[in-house]
Amino acid sequence: MDNNLNIDKLPQAIPIFPLSNCLLLPNGNLTLNIFEPRYVNMTEDSISSNRLIGMIQPKKDNKTKDDLYNIGCLGKITHFSELDNAKYLIELKGLCRYRMINNKLVDKGYLIANVNYTDYYLDLNNNQEASPSLKKEFLSSLKSYFNSENIKADWQIIEKASLNLLVNSLAQSCPFNNEEKQLLLESKDINDITETMITLFKISAAGEIKNIN
């Protein structure tokens, strides 16, 4: 990420990619296979300009194209490959969360949104670190979760990894539902995300019914 990046340099209008059960966090990485014609158009337009795309989730009871969550995350295309049959494989780097003000459909079939980043300026601080005091509880809840899901892991590697790396990678890769992923996205900071994940791991390991709204 550009260490000199600030809110004033972020565009106020961005193409948005609504995708269910998909989470991009600041400093996270997300690989996407682009194949729908409208999103191929979006990708090509992004590549030819600033390479920025806003990820956002449709609501679970989505009945209209505009029924989207208000909070998403801006990502920058850091790598892309043009595949056969007019498809793309792209990798996004999470930059900063945003609040969507409104959106409109453009002629090429995708949405452009007016957005505001004010509430999330701290996302641009690359020095944010999760509190080390949370790591023990995080690992304990993660072990319980993995055991409940019969997931095997190399705990020596996991225990040596930084808490930030674990939180960002697992938040995006664990099979949380739409509401849970949105809850993580809207967390105040990395400590809040960590504490929310601990709670989600404990709920899942205990076999309780999830009902996060």
N, C-alpha and C. Protein backbone atom coordinates (compact mmCIF):
# COMPACT_ATOMS: atom_id res chain seq x y z
N MET A 1 0.85 -1.19 0.00
CA MET A 1 0.00 0.00 0.00
C MET A 1 0.88 1.24 0.00
N ASP A 2 0.42 2.26 -0.70
CA ASP A 2 1.15 3.52 -0.75
C ASP A 2 1.13 4.18 0.62
N ASN A 3 2.31 4.32 1.24
CA ASN A 3 2.38 4.90 2.58
C ASN A 3 1.95 6.36 2.61
N ASN A 4 1.93 7.02 1.45
CA ASN A 4 1.55 8.41 1.39
C ASN A 4 0.07 8.59 1.06
N LEU A 5 -0.65 7.51 0.95
CA LEU A 5 -2.06 7.57 0.60
C LEU A 5 -2.86 8.22 1.72
N ASN A 6 -3.74 9.14 1.36
CA ASN A 6 -4.63 9.74 2.35
C ASN A 6 -6.01 9.87 1.74
N ILE A 7 -6.97 10.21 2.59
CA ILE A 7 -8.36 10.26 2.15
C ILE A 7 -8.56 11.23 0.99
N ASP A 8 -7.82 12.34 0.99
CA ASP A 8 -7.99 13.33 -0.07
C ASP A 8 -7.62 12.79 -1.44
N LYS A 9 -6.81 11.73 -1.47
CA LYS A 9 -6.40 11.15 -2.74
C LYS A 9 -7.32 10.04 -3.23
N LEU A 10 -8.31 9.68 -2.40
CA LEU A 10 -9.22 8.60 -2.79
C LEU A 10 -10.39 9.17 -3.59
N PRO A 11 -10.81 8.49 -4.64
CA PRO A 11 -11.91 8.99 -5.48
C PRO A 11 -13.24 8.95 -4.75
N GLN A 12 -14.06 9.94 -5.02
CA GLN A 12 -15.39 10.02 -4.38
C GLN A 12 -16.43 9.21 -5.13
N ALA A 13 -16.13 8.83 -6.37
CA ALA A 13 -17.01 7.97 -7.16
C ALA A 13 -16.21 6.75 -7.61
N ILE A 14 -16.72 5.57 -7.31
CA ILE A 14 -15.99 4.34 -7.61
C ILE A 14 -16.94 3.28 -8.19
N PRO A 15 -16.41 2.39 -9.04
CA PRO A 15 -17.20 1.24 -9.47
C PRO A 15 -17.32 0.28 -8.29
N ILE A 16 -18.49 -0.30 -8.10
CA ILE A 16 -18.66 -1.23 -6.99
C ILE A 16 -19.03 -2.61 -7.52
N PHE A 17 -18.57 -3.62 -6.79
CA PHE A 17 -18.77 -5.02 -7.16
C PHE A 17 -19.54 -5.69 -6.03
N PRO A 18 -20.86 -5.81 -6.15
CA PRO A 18 -21.65 -6.50 -5.12
C PRO A 18 -21.42 -8.00 -5.19
N LEU A 19 -21.00 -8.59 -4.07
CA LEU A 19 -20.71 -10.02 -4.04
C LEU A 19 -21.01 -10.58 -2.66
N SER A 20 -21.93 -11.54 -2.61
CA SER A 20 -22.33 -12.13 -1.34
C SER A 20 -21.22 -12.98 -0.73
N ASN A 21 -21.22 -13.05 0.60
CA ASN A 21 -20.25 -13.87 1.35
C ASN A 21 -18.82 -13.60 0.93
N CYS A 22 -18.53 -12.36 0.66
CA CYS A 22 -17.18 -11.97 0.24
C CYS A 22 -16.72 -10.81 1.10
N LEU A 23 -15.55 -10.97 1.70
CA LEU A 23 -15.03 -9.96 2.61
C LEU A 23 -13.64 -9.50 2.18
N LEU A 24 -13.50 -8.21 1.96
CA LEU A 24 -12.19 -7.59 1.74
C LEU A 24 -11.97 -6.61 2.87
N LEU A 25 -10.86 -6.76 3.57
CA LEU A 25 -10.51 -5.87 4.68
C LEU A 25 -9.33 -5.00 4.28
N PRO A 26 -9.17 -3.82 4.90
CA PRO A 26 -7.97 -3.02 4.68
C PRO A 26 -6.72 -3.86 4.95
N ASN A 27 -5.77 -3.81 4.04
CA ASN A 27 -4.52 -4.57 4.09
C ASN A 27 -4.72 -6.05 3.75
N GLY A 28 -5.95 -6.45 3.46
CA GLY A 28 -6.20 -7.83 3.06
C GLY A 28 -6.05 -8.00 1.56
N ASN A 29 -6.03 -9.24 1.11
CA ASN A 29 -5.91 -9.56 -0.31
C ASN A 29 -7.07 -10.46 -0.72
N LEU A 30 -7.59 -10.23 -1.90
CA LEU A 30 -8.73 -11.00 -2.38
C LEU A 30 -8.53 -11.31 -3.86
N THR A 31 -8.65 -12.59 -4.22
CA THR A 31 -8.54 -13.01 -5.61
C THR A 31 -9.94 -13.27 -6.16
N LEU A 32 -10.22 -12.72 -7.32
CA LEU A 32 -11.55 -12.83 -7.92
C LEU A 32 -11.45 -13.30 -9.37
N ASN A 33 -12.37 -14.16 -9.74
CA ASN A 33 -12.51 -14.61 -11.12
C ASN A 33 -13.64 -13.82 -11.75
N ILE A 34 -13.33 -12.98 -12.70
CA ILE A 34 -14.32 -12.09 -13.32
C ILE A 34 -14.77 -12.68 -14.65
N PHE A 35 -16.07 -12.95 -14.77
CA PHE A 35 -16.56 -13.57 -16.00
C PHE A 35 -17.86 -12.97 -16.52
N GLU A 36 -18.68 -12.35 -15.65
CA GLU A 36 -19.90 -11.72 -16.15
C GLU A 36 -19.53 -10.52 -17.01
N PRO A 37 -20.18 -10.35 -18.17
CA PRO A 37 -19.83 -9.25 -19.08
C PRO A 37 -19.80 -7.87 -18.42
N ARG A 38 -20.77 -7.59 -17.53
CA ARG A 38 -20.80 -6.26 -16.90
C ARG A 38 -19.60 -6.04 -16.00
N TYR A 39 -19.13 -7.12 -15.34
CA TYR A 39 -17.99 -6.97 -14.45
C TYR A 39 -16.67 -7.08 -15.20
N VAL A 40 -16.70 -7.71 -16.37
CA VAL A 40 -15.54 -7.63 -17.26
C VAL A 40 -15.38 -6.19 -17.72
N ASN A 41 -16.49 -5.55 -18.08
CA ASN A 41 -16.44 -4.13 -18.46
C ASN A 41 -15.89 -3.28 -17.32
N MET A 42 -16.38 -3.55 -16.11
CA MET A 42 -15.92 -2.81 -14.93
C MET A 42 -14.42 -3.00 -14.72
N THR A 43 -13.96 -4.24 -14.84
CA THR A 43 -12.55 -4.54 -14.63
C THR A 43 -11.67 -3.85 -15.67
N GLU A 44 -12.09 -3.91 -16.92
CA GLU A 44 -11.30 -3.27 -17.97
C GLU A 44 -11.25 -1.75 -17.80
N ASP A 45 -12.38 -1.16 -17.39
CA ASP A 45 -12.39 0.29 -17.15
C ASP A 45 -11.49 0.64 -15.97
N SER A 46 -11.50 -0.21 -14.94
CA SER A 46 -10.67 0.04 -13.77
C SER A 46 -9.18 -0.08 -14.10
N ILE A 47 -8.84 -1.12 -14.85
CA ILE A 47 -7.44 -1.34 -15.23
C ILE A 47 -6.91 -0.16 -16.05
N SER A 48 -7.77 0.40 -16.89
CA SER A 48 -7.34 1.50 -17.76
C SER A 48 -7.32 2.85 -17.06
N SER A 49 -7.80 2.89 -15.80
CA SER A 49 -7.78 4.17 -15.07
C SER A 49 -6.95 4.05 -13.80
N ASN A 50 -7.61 4.00 -12.63
CA ASN A 50 -6.86 4.00 -11.37
C ASN A 50 -6.75 2.63 -10.70
N ARG A 51 -7.34 1.61 -11.33
CA ARG A 51 -7.31 0.23 -10.83
C ARG A 51 -8.05 0.04 -9.49
N LEU A 52 -9.00 0.90 -9.21
CA LEU A 52 -9.73 0.83 -7.95
C LEU A 52 -11.14 0.28 -8.16
N ILE A 53 -11.54 -0.62 -7.26
CA ILE A 53 -12.88 -1.22 -7.26
C ILE A 53 -13.35 -1.29 -5.82
N GLY A 54 -14.62 -0.98 -5.59
CA GLY A 54 -15.19 -1.10 -4.25
C GLY A 54 -15.97 -2.39 -4.09
N MET A 55 -15.54 -3.23 -3.16
CA MET A 55 -16.29 -4.44 -2.85
C MET A 55 -17.41 -4.08 -1.88
N ILE A 56 -18.56 -4.73 -2.05
CA ILE A 56 -19.70 -4.48 -1.17
C ILE A 56 -20.60 -5.70 -1.20
N GLN A 57 -21.32 -5.95 -0.12
CA GLN A 57 -22.18 -7.12 -0.05
C GLN A 57 -23.65 -6.75 -0.28
N PRO A 58 -24.37 -7.58 -1.06
CA PRO A 58 -25.83 -7.44 -1.09
C PRO A 58 -26.38 -7.93 0.25
N LYS A 59 -27.50 -7.38 0.66
CA LYS A 59 -28.13 -7.86 1.88
C LYS A 59 -28.72 -9.24 1.64
N LYS A 60 -28.85 -10.01 2.71
CA LYS A 60 -29.30 -11.40 2.60
C LYS A 60 -30.66 -11.50 1.95
N ASP A 61 -31.55 -10.57 2.28
CA ASP A 61 -32.90 -10.60 1.71
C ASP A 61 -33.00 -9.68 0.50
N ASN A 62 -31.89 -9.64 -0.26
CA ASN A 62 -31.81 -8.76 -1.42
C ASN A 62 -32.94 -9.02 -2.41
N LYS A 63 -33.75 -7.99 -2.64
CA LYS A 63 -34.84 -8.12 -3.59
C LYS A 63 -34.68 -7.17 -4.77
N THR A 64 -33.83 -6.18 -4.61
CA THR A 64 -33.58 -5.24 -5.69
C THR A 64 -32.08 -5.05 -5.84
N LYS A 65 -31.66 -4.56 -6.98
CA LYS A 65 -30.25 -4.36 -7.25
C LYS A 65 -29.63 -3.34 -6.31
N ASP A 66 -30.48 -2.45 -5.76
CA ASP A 66 -29.96 -1.39 -4.89
C ASP A 66 -29.95 -1.79 -3.42
N ASP A 67 -30.39 -3.01 -3.12
CA ASP A 67 -30.49 -3.44 -1.73
C ASP A 67 -29.12 -3.95 -1.26
N LEU A 68 -28.24 -3.02 -0.99
CA LEU A 68 -26.87 -3.33 -0.62
C LEU A 68 -26.57 -2.77 0.77
N TYR A 69 -25.59 -3.37 1.43
CA TYR A 69 -25.09 -2.76 2.66
C TYR A 69 -24.45 -1.41 2.33
N ASN A 70 -24.42 -0.53 3.31
CA ASN A 70 -23.86 0.80 3.07
C ASN A 70 -22.34 0.84 3.19
N ILE A 71 -21.76 -0.13 3.90
CA ILE A 71 -20.32 -0.13 4.14
C ILE A 71 -19.63 -1.18 3.28
N GLY A 72 -18.60 -0.75 2.57
CA GLY A 72 -17.80 -1.65 1.76
C GLY A 72 -16.33 -1.32 1.92
N CYS A 73 -15.49 -1.94 1.11
CA CYS A 73 -14.04 -1.69 1.19
C CYS A 73 -13.47 -1.46 -0.20
N LEU A 74 -12.74 -0.38 -0.33
CA LEU A 74 -12.08 -0.05 -1.59
C LEU A 74 -10.84 -0.93 -1.75
N GLY A 75 -10.70 -1.50 -2.94
CA GLY A 75 -9.53 -2.32 -3.22
C GLY A 75 -8.83 -1.87 -4.49
N LYS A 76 -7.53 -2.11 -4.55
CA LYS A 76 -6.75 -1.77 -5.74
C LYS A 76 -6.30 -3.04 -6.43
N ILE A 77 -6.47 -3.09 -7.74
CA ILE A 77 -6.01 -4.25 -8.52
C ILE A 77 -4.48 -4.22 -8.55
N THR A 78 -3.87 -5.19 -7.90
CA THR A 78 -2.40 -5.25 -7.86
C THR A 78 -1.85 -6.22 -8.91
N HIS A 79 -2.66 -7.20 -9.28
CA HIS A 79 -2.27 -8.15 -10.33
C HIS A 79 -3.52 -8.53 -11.12
N PHE A 80 -3.34 -8.78 -12.40
CA PHE A 80 -4.47 -9.28 -13.19
C PHE A 80 -3.94 -10.14 -14.33
N SER A 81 -4.75 -11.11 -14.73
CA SER A 81 -4.44 -11.96 -15.87
C SER A 81 -5.67 -12.03 -16.75
N GLU A 82 -5.48 -11.83 -18.04
CA GLU A 82 -6.58 -11.95 -18.98
C GLU A 82 -6.66 -13.41 -19.42
N LEU A 83 -7.79 -14.04 -19.17
CA LEU A 83 -7.97 -15.45 -19.47
C LEU A 83 -8.72 -15.61 -20.79
N ASP A 84 -8.90 -16.87 -21.18
CA ASP A 84 -9.65 -17.14 -22.40
C ASP A 84 -11.11 -16.73 -22.23
N ASN A 85 -11.80 -16.53 -23.33
CA ASN A 85 -13.23 -16.22 -23.34
C ASN A 85 -13.56 -14.93 -22.58
N ALA A 86 -12.70 -13.94 -22.73
CA ALA A 86 -12.95 -12.61 -22.15
C ALA A 86 -13.18 -12.66 -20.65
N LYS A 87 -12.32 -13.36 -19.94
CA LYS A 87 -12.40 -13.43 -18.49
C LYS A 87 -11.12 -12.86 -17.88
N TYR A 88 -11.21 -12.47 -16.62
CA TYR A 88 -10.05 -11.94 -15.91
C TYR A 88 -9.91 -12.62 -14.55
N LEU A 89 -8.68 -12.78 -14.13
CA LEU A 89 -8.36 -13.18 -12.76
C LEU A 89 -7.63 -11.99 -12.16
N ILE A 90 -8.21 -11.41 -11.10
CA ILE A 90 -7.61 -10.22 -10.51
C ILE A 90 -7.34 -10.43 -9.03
N GLU A 91 -6.36 -9.70 -8.53
CA GLU A 91 -6.08 -9.70 -7.10
C GLU A 91 -6.24 -8.27 -6.58
N LEU A 92 -7.09 -8.12 -5.56
CA LEU A 92 -7.32 -6.82 -4.95
C LEU A 92 -6.59 -6.70 -3.63
N LYS A 93 -6.03 -5.55 -3.39
CA LYS A 93 -5.43 -5.20 -2.10
C LYS A 93 -6.36 -4.22 -1.40
N GLY A 94 -6.84 -4.56 -0.20
CA GLY A 94 -7.75 -3.69 0.52
C GLY A 94 -7.07 -2.40 0.95
N LEU A 95 -7.70 -1.26 0.68
CA LEU A 95 -7.13 0.04 1.03
C LEU A 95 -7.86 0.69 2.20
N CYS A 96 -9.16 0.93 2.03
CA CYS A 96 -9.90 1.71 3.02
C CYS A 96 -11.38 1.40 2.89
N ARG A 97 -12.06 1.32 4.03
CA ARG A 97 -13.50 1.14 4.00
C ARG A 97 -14.19 2.46 3.62
N TYR A 98 -15.41 2.35 3.16
CA TYR A 98 -16.16 3.52 2.76
C TYR A 98 -17.63 3.36 3.13
N ARG A 99 -18.32 4.48 3.21
CA ARG A 99 -19.77 4.48 3.37
C ARG A 99 -20.39 4.92 2.04
N MET A 100 -21.28 4.09 1.50
CA MET A 100 -21.90 4.42 0.23
C MET A 100 -23.02 5.43 0.44
N ILE A 101 -23.00 6.49 -0.34
CA ILE A 101 -24.02 7.53 -0.28
C ILE A 101 -25.17 7.20 -1.22
N ASN A 102 -24.84 6.87 -2.46
CA ASN A 102 -25.82 6.45 -3.45
C ASN A 102 -25.10 5.73 -4.57
N ASN A 103 -25.85 5.15 -5.48
CA ASN A 103 -25.24 4.48 -6.62
C ASN A 103 -26.14 4.58 -7.84
N LYS A 104 -25.55 4.38 -9.00
CA LYS A 104 -26.32 4.40 -10.24
C LYS A 104 -25.73 3.40 -11.22
N LEU A 105 -26.58 2.91 -12.10
CA LEU A 105 -26.17 1.97 -13.12
C LEU A 105 -25.66 2.74 -14.33
N VAL A 106 -24.49 2.35 -14.83
CA VAL A 106 -23.95 3.00 -16.02
C VAL A 106 -24.26 2.16 -17.25
N ASP A 107 -23.99 2.74 -18.41
CA ASP A 107 -24.35 2.09 -19.67
C ASP A 107 -23.71 0.72 -19.86
N LYS A 108 -22.54 0.52 -19.24
CA LYS A 108 -21.84 -0.75 -19.42
C LYS A 108 -22.34 -1.84 -18.46
N GLY A 109 -23.36 -1.53 -17.67
CA GLY A 109 -24.03 -2.56 -16.89
C GLY A 109 -23.63 -2.70 -15.44
N TYR A 110 -22.61 -1.94 -14.98
CA TYR A 110 -22.19 -2.04 -13.59
C TYR A 110 -22.54 -0.76 -12.84
N LEU A 111 -22.37 -0.81 -11.52
CA LEU A 111 -22.76 0.30 -10.67
C LEU A 111 -21.57 1.22 -10.34
N ILE A 112 -21.84 2.50 -10.35
CA ILE A 112 -20.91 3.51 -9.84
C ILE A 112 -21.52 4.10 -8.58
N ALA A 113 -20.75 4.19 -7.50
CA ALA A 113 -21.26 4.71 -6.24
C ALA A 113 -20.51 5.96 -5.82
N ASN A 114 -21.23 6.90 -5.23
CA ASN A 114 -20.61 8.02 -4.54
C ASN A 114 -20.37 7.58 -3.10
N VAL A 115 -19.17 7.78 -2.61
CA VAL A 115 -18.80 7.22 -1.31
C VAL A 115 -18.09 8.26 -0.45
N ASN A 116 -18.03 7.95 0.85
CA ASN A 116 -17.35 8.80 1.82
C ASN A 116 -16.47 7.92 2.70
N TYR A 117 -15.21 8.36 2.92
CA TYR A 117 -14.25 7.57 3.69
C TYR A 117 -14.00 8.13 5.09
N THR A 118 -14.65 9.21 5.44
CA THR A 118 -14.31 9.96 6.65
C THR A 118 -14.24 9.11 7.91
N ASP A 119 -15.20 8.20 8.07
CA ASP A 119 -15.25 7.40 9.30
C ASP A 119 -14.12 6.38 9.39
N TYR A 120 -13.38 6.19 8.29
CA TYR A 120 -12.42 5.09 8.25
C TYR A 120 -11.00 5.53 7.88
N TYR A 121 -10.67 6.79 8.20
CA TYR A 121 -9.34 7.29 7.85
C TYR A 121 -8.22 6.49 8.51
N LEU A 122 -8.51 5.87 9.67
CA LEU A 122 -7.48 5.08 10.35
C LEU A 122 -7.08 3.84 9.57
N ASP A 123 -7.93 3.42 8.60
CA ASP A 123 -7.59 2.26 7.77
C ASP A 123 -6.31 2.50 6.99
N LEU A 124 -5.98 3.75 6.74
CA LEU A 124 -4.80 4.09 5.95
C LEU A 124 -3.53 4.09 6.78
N ASN A 125 -3.66 3.80 8.08
CA ASN A 125 -2.50 3.72 8.97
C ASN A 125 -1.98 2.28 8.97
N ASN A 126 -0.87 2.08 8.30
CA ASN A 126 -0.31 0.73 8.18
C ASN A 126 0.28 0.21 9.48
N ASN A 127 0.35 1.06 10.50
CA ASN A 127 1.00 0.65 11.75
C ASN A 127 0.03 0.09 12.79
N GLN A 128 -1.23 -0.07 12.42
CA GLN A 128 -2.19 -0.63 13.37
C GLN A 128 -1.84 -2.08 13.68
N GLU A 129 -1.79 -2.39 14.94
CA GLU A 129 -1.46 -3.76 15.37
C GLU A 129 -2.49 -4.21 16.40
N ALA A 130 -2.92 -5.46 16.27
CA ALA A 130 -3.82 -6.03 17.26
C ALA A 130 -3.08 -6.18 18.58
N SER A 131 -3.78 -6.00 19.68
CA SER A 131 -3.17 -6.11 21.00
C SER A 131 -2.63 -7.52 21.23
N PRO A 132 -1.34 -7.66 21.58
CA PRO A 132 -0.77 -8.99 21.83
C PRO A 132 -1.52 -9.76 22.92
N SER A 133 -2.16 -9.04 23.82
CA SER A 133 -2.88 -9.70 24.91
C SER A 133 -4.07 -10.52 24.41
N LEU A 134 -4.51 -10.25 23.18
CA LEU A 134 -5.65 -10.97 22.62
C LEU A 134 -5.25 -12.28 21.93
N LYS A 135 -3.94 -12.45 21.69
CA LYS A 135 -3.52 -13.60 20.88
C LYS A 135 -3.82 -14.93 21.56
N LYS A 136 -3.58 -15.03 22.85
CA LYS A 136 -3.82 -16.28 23.55
C LYS A 136 -5.28 -16.71 23.45
N GLU A 137 -6.18 -15.77 23.70
CA GLU A 137 -7.61 -16.09 23.62
C GLU A 137 -8.02 -16.37 22.19
N PHE A 138 -7.43 -15.64 21.25
CA PHE A 138 -7.74 -15.87 19.84
C PHE A 138 -7.34 -17.28 19.42
N LEU A 139 -6.14 -17.70 19.78
CA LEU A 139 -5.67 -19.03 19.41
C LEU A 139 -6.48 -20.12 20.09
N SER A 140 -6.86 -19.90 21.33
CA SER A 140 -7.66 -20.88 22.06
C SER A 140 -9.02 -21.07 21.39
N SER A 141 -9.67 -19.96 21.04
CA SER A 141 -10.98 -20.05 20.39
C SER A 141 -10.85 -20.63 18.98
N LEU A 142 -9.74 -20.31 18.31
CA LEU A 142 -9.51 -20.85 16.97
C LEU A 142 -9.33 -22.37 17.01
N LYS A 143 -8.60 -22.87 18.02
CA LYS A 143 -8.41 -24.32 18.16
C LYS A 143 -9.75 -25.02 18.40
N SER A 144 -10.59 -24.43 19.23
CA SER A 144 -11.90 -25.01 19.49
C SER A 144 -12.74 -25.02 18.22
N TYR A 145 -12.65 -23.95 17.45
CA TYR A 145 -13.40 -23.85 16.20
C TYR A 145 -12.90 -24.90 15.20
N PHE A 146 -11.58 -24.99 15.03
CA PHE A 146 -11.02 -25.98 14.09
C PHE A 146 -11.40 -27.40 14.51
N ASN A 147 -11.36 -27.68 15.81
CA ASN A 147 -11.75 -29.02 16.29
C ASN A 147 -13.21 -29.32 15.98
N SER A 148 -14.06 -28.32 16.16
CA SER A 148 -15.49 -28.53 15.89
C SER A 148 -15.77 -28.74 14.41
N GLU A 149 -14.91 -28.18 13.55
CA GLU A 149 -15.08 -28.31 12.11
C GLU A 149 -14.20 -29.39 11.51
N ASN A 150 -13.47 -30.12 12.38
CA ASN A 150 -12.55 -31.18 11.94
C ASN A 150 -11.50 -30.65 10.95
N ILE A 151 -10.99 -29.46 11.25
CA ILE A 151 -9.96 -28.84 10.42
C ILE A 151 -8.60 -29.08 11.05
N LYS A 152 -7.68 -29.66 10.29
CA LYS A 152 -6.33 -29.89 10.78
C LYS A 152 -5.45 -28.71 10.41
N ALA A 153 -4.53 -28.36 11.29
CA ALA A 153 -3.67 -27.21 11.05
C ALA A 153 -2.30 -27.43 11.66
N ASP A 154 -1.32 -26.72 11.11
CA ASP A 154 0.04 -26.75 11.65
C ASP A 154 0.13 -25.65 12.71
N TRP A 155 -0.05 -26.02 13.96
CA TRP A 155 -0.14 -25.03 15.02
C TRP A 155 1.20 -24.36 15.31
N GLN A 156 2.29 -25.01 14.99
CA GLN A 156 3.59 -24.36 15.19
C GLN A 156 3.71 -23.13 14.30
N ILE A 157 3.24 -23.27 13.05
CA ILE A 157 3.29 -22.14 12.12
C ILE A 157 2.28 -21.07 12.54
N ILE A 158 1.08 -21.51 12.91
CA ILE A 158 0.03 -20.57 13.30
C ILE A 158 0.45 -19.75 14.52
N GLU A 159 1.02 -20.42 15.51
CA GLU A 159 1.40 -19.72 16.74
C GLU A 159 2.54 -18.72 16.53
N LYS A 160 3.35 -18.94 15.49
CA LYS A 160 4.45 -18.02 15.21
C LYS A 160 3.99 -16.82 14.37
N ALA A 161 2.85 -16.97 13.71
CA ALA A 161 2.36 -15.91 12.82
C ALA A 161 1.90 -14.70 13.63
N SER A 162 1.99 -13.52 13.03
CA SER A 162 1.51 -12.31 13.70
C SER A 162 -0.01 -12.37 13.84
N LEU A 163 -0.52 -11.75 14.87
CA LEU A 163 -1.96 -11.75 15.10
C LEU A 163 -2.68 -11.02 13.97
N ASN A 164 -2.10 -9.93 13.49
CA ASN A 164 -2.72 -9.20 12.37
C ASN A 164 -2.91 -10.09 11.16
N LEU A 165 -1.86 -10.84 10.82
CA LEU A 165 -1.92 -11.74 9.66
C LEU A 165 -3.00 -12.79 9.85
N LEU A 166 -3.05 -13.39 11.03
CA LEU A 166 -4.06 -14.42 11.31
C LEU A 166 -5.47 -13.85 11.21
N VAL A 167 -5.67 -12.69 11.82
CA VAL A 167 -7.00 -12.10 11.84
C VAL A 167 -7.47 -11.76 10.43
N ASN A 168 -6.62 -11.08 9.66
CA ASN A 168 -7.01 -10.67 8.31
C ASN A 168 -7.27 -11.87 7.40
N SER A 169 -6.38 -12.85 7.44
CA SER A 169 -6.53 -14.00 6.54
C SER A 169 -7.71 -14.88 6.92
N LEU A 170 -7.90 -15.13 8.22
CA LEU A 170 -9.00 -15.99 8.66
C LEU A 170 -10.35 -15.30 8.56
N ALA A 171 -10.39 -14.00 8.77
CA ALA A 171 -11.66 -13.27 8.63
C ALA A 171 -12.19 -13.41 7.22
N GLN A 172 -11.29 -13.40 6.24
CA GLN A 172 -11.69 -13.50 4.85
C GLN A 172 -11.92 -14.93 4.39
N SER A 173 -11.24 -15.90 4.99
CA SER A 173 -11.31 -17.26 4.49
C SER A 173 -12.29 -18.16 5.23
N CYS A 174 -12.60 -17.85 6.49
CA CYS A 174 -13.53 -18.70 7.25
C CYS A 174 -14.95 -18.56 6.67
N PRO A 175 -15.73 -19.64 6.72
CA PRO A 175 -17.07 -19.62 6.10
C PRO A 175 -18.13 -18.91 6.95
N PHE A 176 -17.86 -17.67 7.31
CA PHE A 176 -18.85 -16.88 8.01
C PHE A 176 -19.96 -16.49 7.04
N ASN A 177 -21.17 -16.26 7.57
CA ASN A 177 -22.26 -15.87 6.68
C ASN A 177 -22.21 -14.37 6.37
N ASN A 178 -23.14 -13.92 5.53
CA ASN A 178 -23.15 -12.51 5.10
C ASN A 178 -23.15 -11.55 6.27
N GLU A 179 -24.05 -11.80 7.24
CA GLU A 179 -24.19 -10.88 8.36
C GLU A 179 -22.93 -10.85 9.21
N GLU A 180 -22.32 -12.01 9.41
CA GLU A 180 -21.10 -12.09 10.21
C GLU A 180 -19.94 -11.38 9.52
N LYS A 181 -19.84 -11.56 8.20
CA LYS A 181 -18.77 -10.88 7.47
C LYS A 181 -18.98 -9.37 7.47
N GLN A 182 -20.23 -8.96 7.40
CA GLN A 182 -20.50 -7.52 7.45
C GLN A 182 -20.17 -6.96 8.83
N LEU A 183 -20.45 -7.75 9.86
CA LEU A 183 -20.12 -7.34 11.22
C LEU A 183 -18.61 -7.14 11.37
N LEU A 184 -17.84 -8.04 10.80
CA LEU A 184 -16.38 -7.91 10.84
C LEU A 184 -15.93 -6.67 10.07
N LEU A 185 -16.51 -6.46 8.91
CA LEU A 185 -16.13 -5.32 8.09
C LEU A 185 -16.40 -4.01 8.80
N GLU A 186 -17.50 -3.94 9.55
CA GLU A 186 -17.89 -2.70 10.19
C GLU A 186 -17.29 -2.54 11.58
N SER A 187 -16.42 -3.45 11.99
CA SER A 187 -15.75 -3.34 13.28
C SER A 187 -14.91 -2.06 13.33
N LYS A 188 -14.77 -1.51 14.52
CA LYS A 188 -14.08 -0.23 14.68
C LYS A 188 -12.63 -0.29 14.24
N ASP A 189 -11.90 -1.32 14.71
CA ASP A 189 -10.48 -1.42 14.40
C ASP A 189 -10.05 -2.87 14.50
N ILE A 190 -8.75 -3.13 14.38
CA ILE A 190 -8.24 -4.50 14.35
C ILE A 190 -8.51 -5.23 15.66
N ASN A 191 -8.49 -4.52 16.79
CA ASN A 191 -8.81 -5.16 18.07
C ASN A 191 -10.28 -5.57 18.13
N ASP A 192 -11.14 -4.72 17.61
CA ASP A 192 -12.57 -5.02 17.58
C ASP A 192 -12.85 -6.22 16.68
N ILE A 193 -12.17 -6.27 15.53
CA ILE A 193 -12.31 -7.42 14.63
C ILE A 193 -11.86 -8.70 15.33
N THR A 194 -10.73 -8.63 16.03
CA THR A 194 -10.19 -9.79 16.73
C THR A 194 -11.18 -10.29 17.78
N GLU A 195 -11.74 -9.38 18.56
CA GLU A 195 -12.68 -9.78 19.61
C GLU A 195 -13.96 -10.36 19.01
N THR A 196 -14.40 -9.81 17.88
CA THR A 196 -15.59 -10.34 17.21
C THR A 196 -15.34 -11.74 16.69
N MET A 197 -14.15 -11.97 16.14
CA MET A 197 -13.82 -13.31 15.64
C MET A 197 -13.75 -14.33 16.78
N ILE A 198 -13.21 -13.91 17.91
CA ILE A 198 -13.17 -14.80 19.08
C ILE A 198 -14.58 -15.23 19.45
N THR A 199 -15.50 -14.27 19.44
CA THR A 199 -16.89 -14.57 19.76
C THR A 199 -17.50 -15.52 18.74
N LEU A 200 -17.25 -15.27 17.45
CA LEU A 200 -17.80 -16.13 16.39
C LEU A 200 -17.24 -17.54 16.48
N PHE A 201 -15.95 -17.66 16.77
CA PHE A 201 -15.34 -18.99 16.92
C PHE A 201 -15.97 -19.75 18.08
N LYS A 202 -16.18 -19.05 19.19
CA LYS A 202 -16.76 -19.69 20.38
C LYS A 202 -18.20 -20.14 20.12
N ILE A 203 -18.96 -19.29 19.45
CA ILE A 203 -20.35 -19.64 19.13
C ILE A 203 -20.40 -20.88 18.24
N SER A 204 -19.57 -20.89 17.20
CA SER A 204 -19.56 -22.01 16.29
C SER A 204 -19.11 -23.29 16.97
N ALA A 205 -18.05 -23.20 17.78
CA ALA A 205 -17.53 -24.39 18.46
C ALA A 205 -18.53 -24.97 19.46
N ALA A 206 -19.35 -24.08 20.03
CA ALA A 206 -20.34 -24.52 21.00
C ALA A 206 -21.59 -25.07 20.33
N GLY A 207 -21.68 -24.90 19.02
CA GLY A 207 -22.83 -25.43 18.30
C GLY A 207 -24.08 -24.61 18.48
N GLU A 208 -23.94 -23.35 18.91
CA GLU A 208 -25.11 -22.51 19.12
C GLU A 208 -25.63 -21.99 17.80
N ILE A 209 -26.90 -21.63 17.80
CA ILE A 209 -27.52 -21.09 16.60
C ILE A 209 -27.05 -19.65 16.43
N LYS A 210 -26.53 -19.34 15.23
CA LYS A 210 -26.05 -17.99 14.95
C LYS A 210 -27.22 -17.12 14.50
N ASN A 211 -27.30 -15.96 15.08
CA ASN A 211 -28.35 -15.02 14.67
C ASN A 211 -27.83 -13.60 14.85
N ILE A 212 -26.92 -13.23 14.01
CA ILE A 212 -26.28 -11.91 14.10
C ILE A 212 -26.94 -11.00 13.07
N ASN A 213 -27.54 -9.94 13.54
CA ASN A 213 -28.22 -9.03 12.64
C ASN A 213 -27.68 -7.61 12.85
